[in-house]
Amino acid sequence: MDSIKEIWGSRNLRLYSSTTTWAIVLWVASVSGAGAETCIAPARPFVPSDPKSVQEYRDLIQRDFESYIQDTQEHFRCLDDERARAFEEAREVSGEYGAFLDRVTQ
């Protein structure tokens, strides 16, 4: 590790470590599947192009739209929860990586 300090200098090493930390945090946040919740978007409601079918199935189509709106709201809540979980995990991993760097550069 002394050779890295000689090449980068202690101030530049901290900058390098900080940049590396954020790169790893972003990578972990994007690929981490452990403990991640799967938020599946609802399927769009189908509306037939035939006006006769629209009239015949209008109650069913209306229920599909109402379900879609409700399911979309749940989907957004799921995404918000997953984002918060992933951000907290990334913060923890970043801290762990900082502690790791402190140990290996001493």
PDB file of N, CA and C in Angstrom:
ATOM      1  N   MET A   1       0.805  -1.196   0.000  1.00  0.00           N
ATOM      2  CA  MET A   1       0.000   0.000   0.000  1.00  0.00           C
ATOM      3  C   MET A   1       0.853   1.268   0.000  1.00  0.00           C
ATOM      4  N   ASP A   2       2.098   1.142   0.456  1.00  0.00           N
ATOM      5  CA  ASP A   2       2.950   2.327   0.443  1.00  0.00           C
ATOM      6  C   ASP A   2       3.157   2.831  -0.970  1.00  0.00           C
ATOM      7  N   SER A   3       3.234   1.925  -1.940  1.00  0.00           N
ATOM      8  CA  SER A   3       3.448   2.363  -3.315  1.00  0.00           C
ATOM      9  C   SER A   3       2.254   3.160  -3.828  1.00  0.00           C
ATOM     10  N   ILE A   4       1.055   2.805  -3.425  1.00  0.00           N
ATOM     11  CA  ILE A   4      -0.130   3.568  -3.833  1.00  0.00           C
ATOM     12  C   ILE A   4      -0.068   4.964  -3.230  1.00  0.00           C
ATOM     13  N   LYS A   5       0.307   5.052  -1.959  1.00  0.00           N
ATOM     14  CA  LYS A   5       0.413   6.353  -1.308  1.00  0.00           C
ATOM     15  C   LYS A   5       1.484   7.205  -1.996  1.00  0.00           C
ATOM     16  N   GLU A   6       2.588   6.562  -2.400  1.00  0.00           N
ATOM     17  CA  GLU A   6       3.636   7.309  -3.075  1.00  0.00           C
ATOM     18  C   GLU A   6       3.150   7.828  -4.425  1.00  0.00           C
ATOM     19  N   ILE A   7       2.406   7.003  -5.142  1.00  0.00           N
ATOM     20  CA  ILE A   7       1.919   7.405  -6.466  1.00  0.00           C
ATOM     21  C   ILE A   7       0.836   8.469  -6.335  1.00  0.00           C
ATOM     22  N   TRP A   8      -0.140   8.239  -5.484  1.00  0.00           N
ATOM     23  CA  TRP A   8      -1.308   9.111  -5.397  1.00  0.00           C
ATOM     24  C   TRP A   8      -1.151  10.236  -4.385  1.00  0.00           C
ATOM     25  N   GLY A   9      -0.339  10.020  -3.366  1.00  0.00           N
ATOM     26  CA  GLY A   9      -0.274  10.979  -2.276  1.00  0.00           C
ATOM     27  C   GLY A   9      -1.480  10.759  -1.381  1.00  0.00           C
ATOM     28  N   SER A  10      -1.391  11.084  -0.104  1.00  0.00           N
ATOM     29  CA  SER A  10      -2.490  10.763   0.822  1.00  0.00           C
ATOM     30  C   SER A  10      -3.766  11.523   0.473  1.00  0.00           C
ATOM     31  N   ARG A  11      -3.667  12.766   0.042  1.00  0.00           N
ATOM     32  CA  ARG A  11      -4.860  13.555  -0.306  1.00  0.00           C
ATOM     33  C   ARG A  11      -5.534  12.986  -1.554  1.00  0.00           C
ATOM     34  N   ASN A  12      -4.740  12.655  -2.583  1.00  0.00           N
ATOM     35  CA  ASN A  12      -5.306  12.079  -3.802  1.00  0.00           C
ATOM     36  C   ASN A  12      -5.856  10.682  -3.567  1.00  0.00           C
ATOM     37  N   LEU A  13      -5.249   9.930  -2.648  1.00  0.00           N
ATOM     38  CA  LEU A  13      -5.739   8.597  -2.329  1.00  0.00           C
ATOM     39  C   LEU A  13      -7.149   8.687  -1.733  1.00  0.00           C
ATOM     40  N   ARG A  14      -7.369   9.698  -0.869  1.00  0.00           N
ATOM     41  CA  ARG A  14      -8.707   9.874  -0.295  1.00  0.00           C
ATOM     42  C   ARG A  14      -9.720  10.201  -1.391  1.00  0.00           C
ATOM     43  N   LEU A  15      -9.351  11.039  -2.326  1.00  0.00           N
ATOM     44  CA  LEU A  15     -10.242  11.373  -3.435  1.00  0.00           C
ATOM     45  C   LEU A  15     -10.512  10.135  -4.278  1.00  0.00           C
ATOM     46  N   TYR A  16      -9.464   9.381  -4.566  1.00  0.00           N
ATOM     47  CA  TYR A  16      -9.614   8.139  -5.328  1.00  0.00           C
ATOM     48  C   TYR A  16     -10.530   7.177  -4.579  1.00  0.00           C
ATOM     49  N   SER A  17     -10.330   7.038  -3.263  1.00  0.00           N
ATOM     50  CA  SER A  17     -11.141   6.144  -2.452  1.00  0.00           C
ATOM     51  C   SER A  17     -12.597   6.591  -2.439  1.00  0.00           C
ATOM     52  N   SER A  18     -12.825   7.898  -2.339  1.00  0.00           N
ATOM     53  CA  SER A  18     -14.184   8.426  -2.332  1.00  0.00           C
ATOM     54  C   SER A  18     -14.884   8.145  -3.658  1.00  0.00           C
ATOM     55  N   THR A  19     -14.189   8.382  -4.751  1.00  0.00           N
ATOM     56  CA  THR A  19     -14.764   8.130  -6.067  1.00  0.00           C
ATOM     57  C   THR A  19     -15.049   6.642  -6.239  1.00  0.00           C
ATOM     58  N   THR A  20     -14.115   5.814  -5.819  1.00  0.00           N
ATOM     59  CA  THR A  20     -14.297   4.369  -5.907  1.00  0.00           C
ATOM     60  C   THR A  20     -15.461   3.922  -5.044  1.00  0.00           C
ATOM     61  N   THR A  21     -15.575   4.500  -3.859  1.00  0.00           N
ATOM     62  CA  THR A  21     -16.674   4.156  -2.955  1.00  0.00           C
ATOM     63  C   THR A  21     -18.011   4.418  -3.622  1.00  0.00           C
ATOM     64  N   TRP A  22     -18.186   5.589  -4.202  1.00  0.00           N
ATOM     65  CA  TRP A  22     -19.471   5.915  -4.822  1.00  0.00           C
ATOM     66  C   TRP A  22     -19.727   5.055  -6.047  1.00  0.00           C
ATOM     67  N   ALA A  23     -18.699   4.708  -6.772  1.00  0.00           N
ATOM     68  CA  ALA A  23     -18.886   3.826  -7.923  1.00  0.00           C
ATOM     69  C   ALA A  23     -19.385   2.462  -7.459  1.00  0.00           C
ATOM     70  N   ILE A  24     -18.811   1.964  -6.380  1.00  0.00           N
ATOM     71  CA  ILE A  24     -19.242   0.675  -5.844  1.00  0.00           C
ATOM     72  C   ILE A  24     -20.653   0.769  -5.277  1.00  0.00           C
ATOM     73  N   VAL A  25     -20.949   1.847  -4.581  1.00  0.00           N
ATOM     74  CA  VAL A  25     -22.300   2.037  -4.028  1.00  0.00           C
ATOM     75  C   VAL A  25     -23.337   2.017  -5.140  1.00  0.00           C
ATOM     76  N   LEU A  26     -23.070   2.737  -6.213  1.00  0.00           N
ATOM     77  CA  LEU A  26     -24.012   2.763  -7.328  1.00  0.00           C
ATOM     78  C   LEU A  26     -24.132   1.397  -7.984  1.00  0.00           C
ATOM     79  N   TRP A  27     -23.026   0.707  -8.108  1.00  0.00           N
ATOM     80  CA  TRP A  27     -23.060  -0.627  -8.694  1.00  0.00           C
ATOM     81  C   TRP A  27     -23.860  -1.574  -7.813  1.00  0.00           C
ATOM     82  N   VAL A  28     -23.597  -1.557  -6.510  1.00  0.00           N
ATOM     83  CA  VAL A  28     -24.324  -2.429  -5.582  1.00  0.00           C
ATOM     84  C   VAL A  28     -25.809  -2.116  -5.619  1.00  0.00           C
ATOM     85  N   ALA A  29     -26.150  -0.841  -5.640  1.00  0.00           N
ATOM     86  CA  ALA A  29     -27.559  -0.453  -5.665  1.00  0.00           C
ATOM     87  C   ALA A  29     -28.249  -0.928  -6.939  1.00  0.00           C
ATOM     88  N   SER A  30     -27.508  -0.986  -8.033  1.00  0.00           N
ATOM     89  CA  SER A  30     -28.140  -1.362  -9.296  1.00  0.00           C
ATOM     90  C   SER A  30     -28.233  -2.867  -9.498  1.00  0.00           C
ATOM     91  N   VAL A  31     -27.344  -3.653  -8.906  1.00  0.00           N
ATOM     92  CA  VAL A  31     -27.352  -5.088  -9.172  1.00  0.00           C
ATOM     93  C   VAL A  31     -27.728  -5.936  -7.966  1.00  0.00           C
ATOM     94  N   SER A  32     -27.828  -5.349  -6.805  1.00  0.00           N
ATOM     95  CA  SER A  32     -28.103  -6.135  -5.612  1.00  0.00           C
ATOM     96  C   SER A  32     -29.499  -6.724  -5.663  1.00  0.00           C
ATOM     97  N   GLY A  33     -29.583  -8.021  -5.511  1.00  0.00           N
ATOM     98  CA  GLY A  33     -30.876  -8.674  -5.506  1.00  0.00           C
ATOM     99  C   GLY A  33     -31.190  -9.255  -4.147  1.00  0.00           C
ATOM    100  N   ALA A  34     -30.202  -9.385  -3.272  1.00  0.00           N
ATOM    101  CA  ALA A  34     -30.418  -9.966  -1.970  1.00  0.00           C
ATOM    102  C   ALA A  34     -31.288  -9.047  -1.135  1.00  0.00           C
ATOM    103  N   GLY A  35     -32.422  -9.553  -0.733  1.00  0.00           N
ATOM    104  CA  GLY A  35     -33.319  -8.765   0.095  1.00  0.00           C
ATOM    105  C   GLY A  35     -34.129  -7.744  -0.679  1.00  0.00           C
ATOM    106  N   ALA A  36     -33.955  -7.692  -1.961  1.00  0.00           N
ATOM    107  CA  ALA A  36     -34.671  -6.699  -2.763  1.00  0.00           C
ATOM    108  C   ALA A  36     -36.098  -7.163  -3.001  1.00  0.00           C
ATOM    109  N   GLU A  37     -37.004  -6.214  -2.989  1.00  0.00           N
ATOM    110  CA  GLU A  37     -38.395  -6.517  -3.274  1.00  0.00           C
ATOM    111  C   GLU A  37     -38.619  -6.369  -4.776  1.00  0.00           C
ATOM    112  N   THR A  38     -39.404  -7.259  -5.320  1.00  0.00           N
ATOM    113  CA  THR A  38     -39.729  -7.181  -6.742  1.00  0.00           C
ATOM    114  C   THR A  38     -41.028  -6.408  -6.889  1.00  0.00           C
ATOM    115  N   CYS A  39     -40.949  -5.298  -7.564  1.00  0.00           N
ATOM    116  CA  CYS A  39     -42.118  -4.445  -7.789  1.00  0.00           C
ATOM    117  C   CYS A  39     -42.531  -4.612  -9.252  1.00  0.00           C
ATOM    118  N   ILE A  40     -43.578  -5.361  -9.454  1.00  0.00           N
ATOM    119  CA  ILE A  40     -44.020  -5.649 -10.817  1.00  0.00           C
ATOM    120  C   ILE A  40     -45.133  -4.671 -11.195  1.00  0.00           C
ATOM    121  N   ALA A  41     -44.925  -3.989 -12.295  1.00  0.00           N
ATOM    122  CA  ALA A  41     -45.916  -3.018 -12.767  1.00  0.00           C
ATOM    123  C   ALA A  41     -47.164  -3.751 -13.249  1.00  0.00           C
ATOM    124  N   PRO A  42     -48.318  -3.174 -12.990  1.00  0.00           N
ATOM    125  CA  PRO A  42     -49.559  -3.812 -13.452  1.00  0.00           C
ATOM    126  C   PRO A  42     -49.695  -3.734 -14.971  1.00  0.00           C
ATOM    127  N   ALA A  43     -50.434  -4.682 -15.504  1.00  0.00           N
ATOM    128  CA  ALA A  43     -50.685  -4.697 -16.948  1.00  0.00           C
ATOM    129  C   ALA A  43     -51.719  -3.620 -17.299  1.00  0.00           C
ATOM    130  N   ARG A  44     -51.502  -2.994 -18.427  1.00  0.00           N
ATOM    131  CA  ARG A  44     -52.448  -1.972 -18.891  1.00  0.00           C
ATOM    132  C   ARG A  44     -53.792  -2.614 -19.196  1.00  0.00           C
ATOM    133  N   PRO A  45     -54.869  -1.897 -18.914  1.00  0.00           N
ATOM    134  CA  PRO A  45     -56.194  -2.435 -19.254  1.00  0.00           C
ATOM    135  C   PRO A  45     -56.359  -2.538 -20.769  1.00  0.00           C
ATOM    136  N   PHE A  46     -57.097  -3.557 -21.170  1.00  0.00           N
ATOM    137  CA  PHE A  46     -57.374  -3.756 -22.591  1.00  0.00           C
ATOM    138  C   PHE A  46     -58.717  -3.124 -22.930  1.00  0.00           C
ATOM    139  N   VAL A  47     -58.728  -2.368 -23.992  1.00  0.00           N
ATOM    140  CA  VAL A  47     -59.975  -1.781 -24.497  1.00  0.00           C
ATOM    141  C   VAL A  47     -60.133  -2.260 -25.936  1.00  0.00           C
ATOM    142  N   PRO A  48     -61.199  -2.995 -26.203  1.00  0.00           N
ATOM    143  CA  PRO A  48     -61.402  -3.470 -27.572  1.00  0.00           C
ATOM    144  C   PRO A  48     -61.600  -2.307 -28.534  1.00  0.00           C
ATOM    145  N   SER A  49     -61.208  -2.519 -29.771  1.00  0.00           N
ATOM    146  CA  SER A  49     -61.380  -1.460 -30.776  1.00  0.00           C
ATOM    147  C   SER A  49     -62.798  -1.441 -31.338  1.00  0.00           C
ATOM    148  N   ASP A  50     -63.502  -2.532 -31.170  1.00  0.00           N
ATOM    149  CA  ASP A  50     -64.869  -2.633 -31.668  1.00  0.00           C
ATOM    150  C   ASP A  50     -65.839  -1.925 -30.710  1.00  0.00           C
ATOM    151  N   PRO A  51     -66.555  -0.886 -31.165  1.00  0.00           N
ATOM    152  CA  PRO A  51     -67.485  -0.151 -30.287  1.00  0.00           C
ATOM    153  C   PRO A  51     -68.558  -1.034 -29.658  1.00  0.00           C
ATOM    154  N   LYS A  52     -69.005  -2.045 -30.382  1.00  0.00           N
ATOM    155  CA  LYS A  52     -70.021  -2.952 -29.838  1.00  0.00           C
ATOM    156  C   LYS A  52     -69.460  -3.720 -28.634  1.00  0.00           C
ATOM    157  N   SER A  53     -68.220  -4.181 -28.755  1.00  0.00           N
ATOM    158  CA  SER A  53     -67.576  -4.899 -27.645  1.00  0.00           C
ATOM    159  C   SER A  53     -67.345  -3.978 -26.457  1.00  0.00           C
ATOM    160  N   VAL A  54     -66.999  -2.735 -26.730  1.00  0.00           N
ATOM    161  CA  VAL A  54     -66.798  -1.765 -25.649  1.00  0.00           C
ATOM    162  C   VAL A  54     -68.087  -1.621 -24.853  1.00  0.00           C
ATOM    163  N   GLN A  55     -69.206  -1.482 -25.532  1.00  0.00           N
ATOM    164  CA  GLN A  55     -70.490  -1.350 -24.845  1.00  0.00           C
ATOM    165  C   GLN A  55     -70.849  -2.635 -24.102  1.00  0.00           C
ATOM    166  N   GLU A  56     -70.603  -3.748 -24.716  1.00  0.00           N
ATOM    167  CA  GLU A  56     -70.958  -5.035 -24.114  1.00  0.00           C
ATOM    168  C   GLU A  56     -70.147  -5.308 -22.845  1.00  0.00           C
ATOM    169  N   TYR A  57     -68.874  -4.923 -22.857  1.00  0.00           N
ATOM    170  CA  TYR A  57     -67.983  -5.226 -21.730  1.00  0.00           C
ATOM    171  C   TYR A  57     -67.600  -3.996 -20.917  1.00  0.00           C
ATOM    172  N   ARG A  58     -68.381  -2.944 -21.019  1.00  0.00           N
ATOM    173  CA  ARG A  58     -67.981  -1.674 -20.382  1.00  0.00           C
ATOM    174  C   ARG A  58     -67.806  -1.803 -18.868  1.00  0.00           C
ATOM    175  N   ASP A  59     -68.653  -2.586 -18.189  1.00  0.00           N
ATOM    176  CA  ASP A  59     -68.484  -2.753 -16.733  1.00  0.00           C
ATOM    177  C   ASP A  59     -67.160  -3.446 -16.411  1.00  0.00           C
ATOM    178  N   LEU A  60     -66.864  -4.460 -17.171  1.00  0.00           N
ATOM    179  CA  LEU A  60     -65.599  -5.175 -16.976  1.00  0.00           C
ATOM    180  C   LEU A  60     -64.409  -4.271 -17.279  1.00  0.00           C
ATOM    181  N   ILE A  61     -64.503  -3.513 -18.353  1.00  0.00           N
ATOM    182  CA  ILE A  61     -63.417  -2.592 -18.730  1.00  0.00           C
ATOM    183  C   ILE A  61     -63.238  -1.523 -17.664  1.00  0.00           C
ATOM    184  N   GLN A  62     -64.349  -1.010 -17.160  1.00  0.00           N
ATOM    185  CA  GLN A  62     -64.266   0.007 -16.106  1.00  0.00           C
ATOM    186  C   GLN A  62     -63.590  -0.559 -14.858  1.00  0.00           C
ATOM    187  N   ARG A  63     -63.954  -1.772 -14.465  1.00  0.00           N
ATOM    188  CA  ARG A  63     -63.305  -2.406 -13.305  1.00  0.00           C
ATOM    189  C   ARG A  63     -61.813  -2.612 -13.554  1.00  0.00           C
ATOM    190  N   ASP A  64     -61.473  -2.980 -14.802  1.00  0.00           N
ATOM    191  CA  ASP A  64     -60.054  -3.143 -15.142  1.00  0.00           C
ATOM    192  C   ASP A  64     -59.281  -1.836 -14.967  1.00  0.00           C
ATOM    193  N   PHE A  65     -59.867  -0.734 -15.412  1.00  0.00           N
ATOM    194  CA  PHE A  65     -59.211   0.568 -15.253  1.00  0.00           C
ATOM    195  C   PHE A  65     -59.072   0.938 -13.783  1.00  0.00           C
ATOM    196  N   GLU A  66     -60.118   0.721 -13.003  1.00  0.00           N
ATOM    197  CA  GLU A  66     -60.063   1.042 -11.573  1.00  0.00           C
ATOM    198  C   GLU A  66     -59.029   0.179 -10.862  1.00  0.00           C
ATOM    199  N   SER A  67     -58.976  -1.104 -11.228  1.00  0.00           N
ATOM    200  CA  SER A  67     -57.959  -1.986 -10.647  1.00  0.00           C
ATOM    201  C   SER A  67     -56.561  -1.540 -11.039  1.00  0.00           C
ATOM    202  N   TYR A  68     -56.417  -1.144 -12.294  1.00  0.00           N
ATOM    203  CA  TYR A  68     -55.116  -0.671 -12.771  1.00  0.00           C
ATOM    204  C   TYR A  68     -54.655   0.544 -11.972  1.00  0.00           C
ATOM    205  N   ILE A  69     -55.552   1.482 -11.747  1.00  0.00           N
ATOM    206  CA  ILE A  69     -55.182   2.691 -10.997  1.00  0.00           C
ATOM    207  C   ILE A  69     -54.779   2.325  -9.572  1.00  0.00           C
ATOM    208  N   GLN A  70     -55.527   1.456  -8.924  1.00  0.00           N
ATOM    209  CA  GLN A  70     -55.193   1.024  -7.565  1.00  0.00           C
ATOM    210  C   GLN A  70     -53.860   0.258  -7.549  1.00  0.00           C
ATOM    211  N   ASP A  71     -53.699  -0.660  -8.493  1.00  0.00           N
ATOM    212  CA  ASP A  71     -52.455  -1.439  -8.557  1.00  0.00           C
ATOM    213  C   ASP A  71     -51.247  -0.555  -8.870  1.00  0.00           C
ATOM    214  N   THR A  72     -51.452   0.481  -9.665  1.00  0.00           N
ATOM    215  CA  THR A  72     -50.358   1.403  -9.973  1.00  0.00           C
ATOM    216  C   THR A  72     -49.932   2.175  -8.730  1.00  0.00           C
ATOM    217  N   GLN A  73     -50.897   2.578  -7.925  1.00  0.00           N
ATOM    218  CA  GLN A  73     -50.565   3.255  -6.667  1.00  0.00           C
ATOM    219  C   GLN A  73     -49.768   2.330  -5.749  1.00  0.00           C
ATOM    220  N   GLU A  74     -50.168   1.066  -5.666  1.00  0.00           N
ATOM    221  CA  GLU A  74     -49.413   0.091  -4.869  1.00  0.00           C
ATOM    222  C   GLU A  74     -48.014  -0.123  -5.445  1.00  0.00           C
ATOM    223  N   HIS A  75     -47.925  -0.132  -6.759  1.00  0.00           N
ATOM    224  CA  HIS A  75     -46.624  -0.288  -7.422  1.00  0.00           C
ATOM    225  C   HIS A  75     -45.696   0.879  -7.064  1.00  0.00           C
ATOM    226  N   PHE A  76     -46.217   2.094  -7.078  1.00  0.00           N
ATOM    227  CA  PHE A  76     -45.404   3.255  -6.703  1.00  0.00           C
ATOM    228  C   PHE A  76     -44.948   3.156  -5.246  1.00  0.00           C
ATOM    229  N   ARG A  77     -45.822   2.692  -4.356  1.00  0.00           N
ATOM    230  CA  ARG A  77     -45.419   2.518  -2.953  1.00  0.00           C
ATOM    231  C   ARG A  77     -44.311   1.469  -2.846  1.00  0.00           C
ATOM    232  N   CYS A  78     -44.456   0.408  -3.598  1.00  0.00           N
ATOM    233  CA  CYS A  78     -43.428  -0.640  -3.603  1.00  0.00           C
ATOM    234  C   CYS A  78     -42.090  -0.074  -4.070  1.00  0.00           C
ATOM    235  N   LEU A  79     -42.114   0.698  -5.156  1.00  0.00           N
ATOM    236  CA  LEU A  79     -40.880   1.307  -5.671  1.00  0.00           C
ATOM    237  C   LEU A  79     -40.260   2.257  -4.652  1.00  0.00           C
ATOM    238  N   ASP A  80     -41.095   3.037  -3.977  1.00  0.00           N
ATOM    239  CA  ASP A  80     -40.592   3.953  -2.942  1.00  0.00           C
ATOM    240  C   ASP A  80     -39.933   3.170  -1.807  1.00  0.00           C
ATOM    241  N   ASP A  81     -40.584   2.083  -1.364  1.00  0.00           N
ATOM    242  CA  ASP A  81     -40.018   1.262  -0.288  1.00  0.00           C
ATOM    243  C   ASP A  81     -38.708   0.620  -0.718  1.00  0.00           C
ATOM    244  N   GLU A  82     -38.671   0.108  -1.931  1.00  0.00           N
ATOM    245  CA  GLU A  82     -37.455  -0.539  -2.425  1.00  0.00           C
ATOM    246  C   GLU A  82     -36.323   0.465  -2.588  1.00  0.00           C
ATOM    247  N   ARG A  83     -36.643   1.655  -3.054  1.00  0.00           N
ATOM    248  CA  ARG A  83     -35.621   2.689  -3.191  1.00  0.00           C
ATOM    249  C   ARG A  83     -35.025   3.035  -1.824  1.00  0.00           C
ATOM    250  N   ALA A  84     -35.886   3.190  -0.818  1.00  0.00           N
ATOM    251  CA  ALA A  84     -35.412   3.502   0.534  1.00  0.00           C
ATOM    252  C   ALA A  84     -34.542   2.369   1.078  1.00  0.00           C
ATOM    253  N   ARG A  85     -34.960   1.121   0.855  1.00  0.00           N
ATOM    254  CA  ARG A  85     -34.180  -0.022   1.320  1.00  0.00           C
ATOM    255  C   ARG A  85     -32.821  -0.075   0.626  1.00  0.00           C
ATOM    256  N   ALA A  86     -32.827   0.103  -0.693  1.00  0.00           N
ATOM    257  CA  ALA A  86     -31.576   0.049  -1.453  1.00  0.00           C
ATOM    258  C   ALA A  86     -30.641   1.192  -1.066  1.00  0.00           C
ATOM    259  N   PHE A  87     -31.189   2.372  -0.833  1.00  0.00           N
ATOM    260  CA  PHE A  87     -30.364   3.511  -0.437  1.00  0.00           C
ATOM    261  C   PHE A  87     -29.718   3.247   0.919  1.00  0.00           C
ATOM    262  N   GLU A  88     -30.487   2.709   1.863  1.00  0.00           N
ATOM    263  CA  GLU A  88     -29.932   2.404   3.188  1.00  0.00           C
ATOM    264  C   GLU A  88     -28.851   1.334   3.075  1.00  0.00           C
ATOM    265  N   GLU A  89     -29.103   0.317   2.270  1.00  0.00           N
ATOM    266  CA  GLU A  89     -28.096  -0.718   2.071  1.00  0.00           C
ATOM    267  C   GLU A  89     -26.832  -0.135   1.451  1.00  0.00           C
ATOM    268  N   ALA A  90     -26.985   0.718   0.466  1.00  0.00           N
ATOM    269  CA  ALA A  90     -25.831   1.339  -0.181  1.00  0.00           C
ATOM    270  C   ALA A  90     -25.060   2.208   0.810  1.00  0.00           C
ATOM    271  N   ARG A  91     -25.771   2.903   1.682  1.00  0.00           N
ATOM    272  CA  ARG A  91     -25.110   3.721   2.706  1.00  0.00           C
ATOM    273  C   ARG A  91     -24.290   2.828   3.647  1.00  0.00           C
ATOM    274  N   GLU A  92     -24.883   1.705   4.062  1.00  0.00           N
ATOM    275  CA  GLU A  92     -24.175   0.780   4.945  1.00  0.00           C
ATOM    276  C   GLU A  92     -22.943   0.193   4.253  1.00  0.00           C
ATOM    277  N   VAL A  93     -23.102  -0.229   3.005  1.00  0.00           N
ATOM    278  CA  VAL A  93     -21.983  -0.804   2.260  1.00  0.00           C
ATOM    279  C   VAL A  93     -20.883   0.233   2.064  1.00  0.00           C
ATOM    280  N   SER A  94     -21.267   1.471   1.804  1.00  0.00           N
ATOM    281  CA  SER A  94     -20.282   2.536   1.652  1.00  0.00           C
ATOM    282  C   SER A  94     -19.481   2.711   2.942  1.00  0.00           C
ATOM    283  N   GLY A  95     -20.176   2.677   4.075  1.00  0.00           N
ATOM    284  CA  GLY A  95     -19.485   2.772   5.359  1.00  0.00           C
ATOM    285  C   GLY A  95     -18.548   1.605   5.593  1.00  0.00           C
ATOM    286  N   GLU A  96     -19.014   0.412   5.242  1.00  0.00           N
ATOM    287  CA  GLU A  96     -18.169  -0.777   5.381  1.00  0.00           C
ATOM    288  C   GLU A  96     -16.937  -0.680   4.480  1.00  0.00           C
ATOM    289  N   TYR A  97     -17.135  -0.157   3.284  1.00  0.00           N
ATOM    290  CA  TYR A  97     -16.008  -0.014   2.364  1.00  0.00           C
ATOM    291  C   TYR A  97     -15.024   1.030   2.879  1.00  0.00           C
ATOM    292  N   GLY A  98     -15.534   2.115   3.439  1.00  0.00           N
ATOM    293  CA  GLY A  98     -14.656   3.124   4.028  1.00  0.00           C
ATOM    294  C   GLY A  98     -13.830   2.533   5.164  1.00  0.00           C
ATOM    295  N   ALA A  99     -14.466   1.718   6.019  1.00  0.00           N
ATOM    296  CA  ALA A  99     -13.737   1.069   7.112  1.00  0.00           C
ATOM    297  C   ALA A  99     -12.692   0.096   6.556  1.00  0.00           C
ATOM    298  N   PHE A 100     -13.063  -0.614   5.505  1.00  0.00           N
ATOM    299  CA  PHE A 100     -12.116  -1.523   4.855  1.00  0.00           C
ATOM    300  C   PHE A 100     -10.902  -0.761   4.333  1.00  0.00           C
ATOM    301  N   LEU A 101     -11.149   0.352   3.651  1.00  0.00           N
ATOM    302  CA  LEU A 101     -10.041   1.146   3.116  1.00  0.00           C
ATOM    303  C   LEU A 101      -9.150   1.685   4.231  1.00  0.00           C
ATOM    304  N   ASP A 102      -9.751   2.078   5.328  1.00  0.00           N
ATOM    305  CA  ASP A 102      -8.969   2.552   6.462  1.00  0.00           C
ATOM    306  C   ASP A 102      -8.050   1.446   6.981  1.00  0.00           C
ATOM    307  N   ARG A 103      -8.559   0.225   7.031  1.00  0.00           N
ATOM    308  CA  ARG A 103      -7.748  -0.906   7.526  1.00  0.00           C
ATOM    309  C   ARG A 103      -6.611  -1.239   6.566  1.00  0.00           C
ATOM    310  N   VAL A 104      -6.877  -1.243   5.285  1.00  0.00           N
ATOM    311  CA  VAL A 104      -5.830  -1.692   4.348  1.00  0.00           C
ATOM    312  C   VAL A 104      -4.831  -0.605   4.020  1.00  0.00           C
ATOM    313  N   THR A 105      -5.148   0.657   4.300  1.00  0.00           N
ATOM    314  CA  THR A 105      -4.178   1.723   4.000  1.00  0.00           C
ATOM    315  C   THR A 105      -3.349   2.107   5.207  1.00  0.00           C
ATOM    316  N   GLN A 106      -3.543   1.424   6.326  1.00  0.00           N
ATOM    317  CA  GLN A 106      -2.740   1.731   7.520  1.00  0.00           C
ATOM    318  C   GLN A 106      -1.500   0.900   7.569  1.00  0.00           C
TER     319      GLN A 106
END
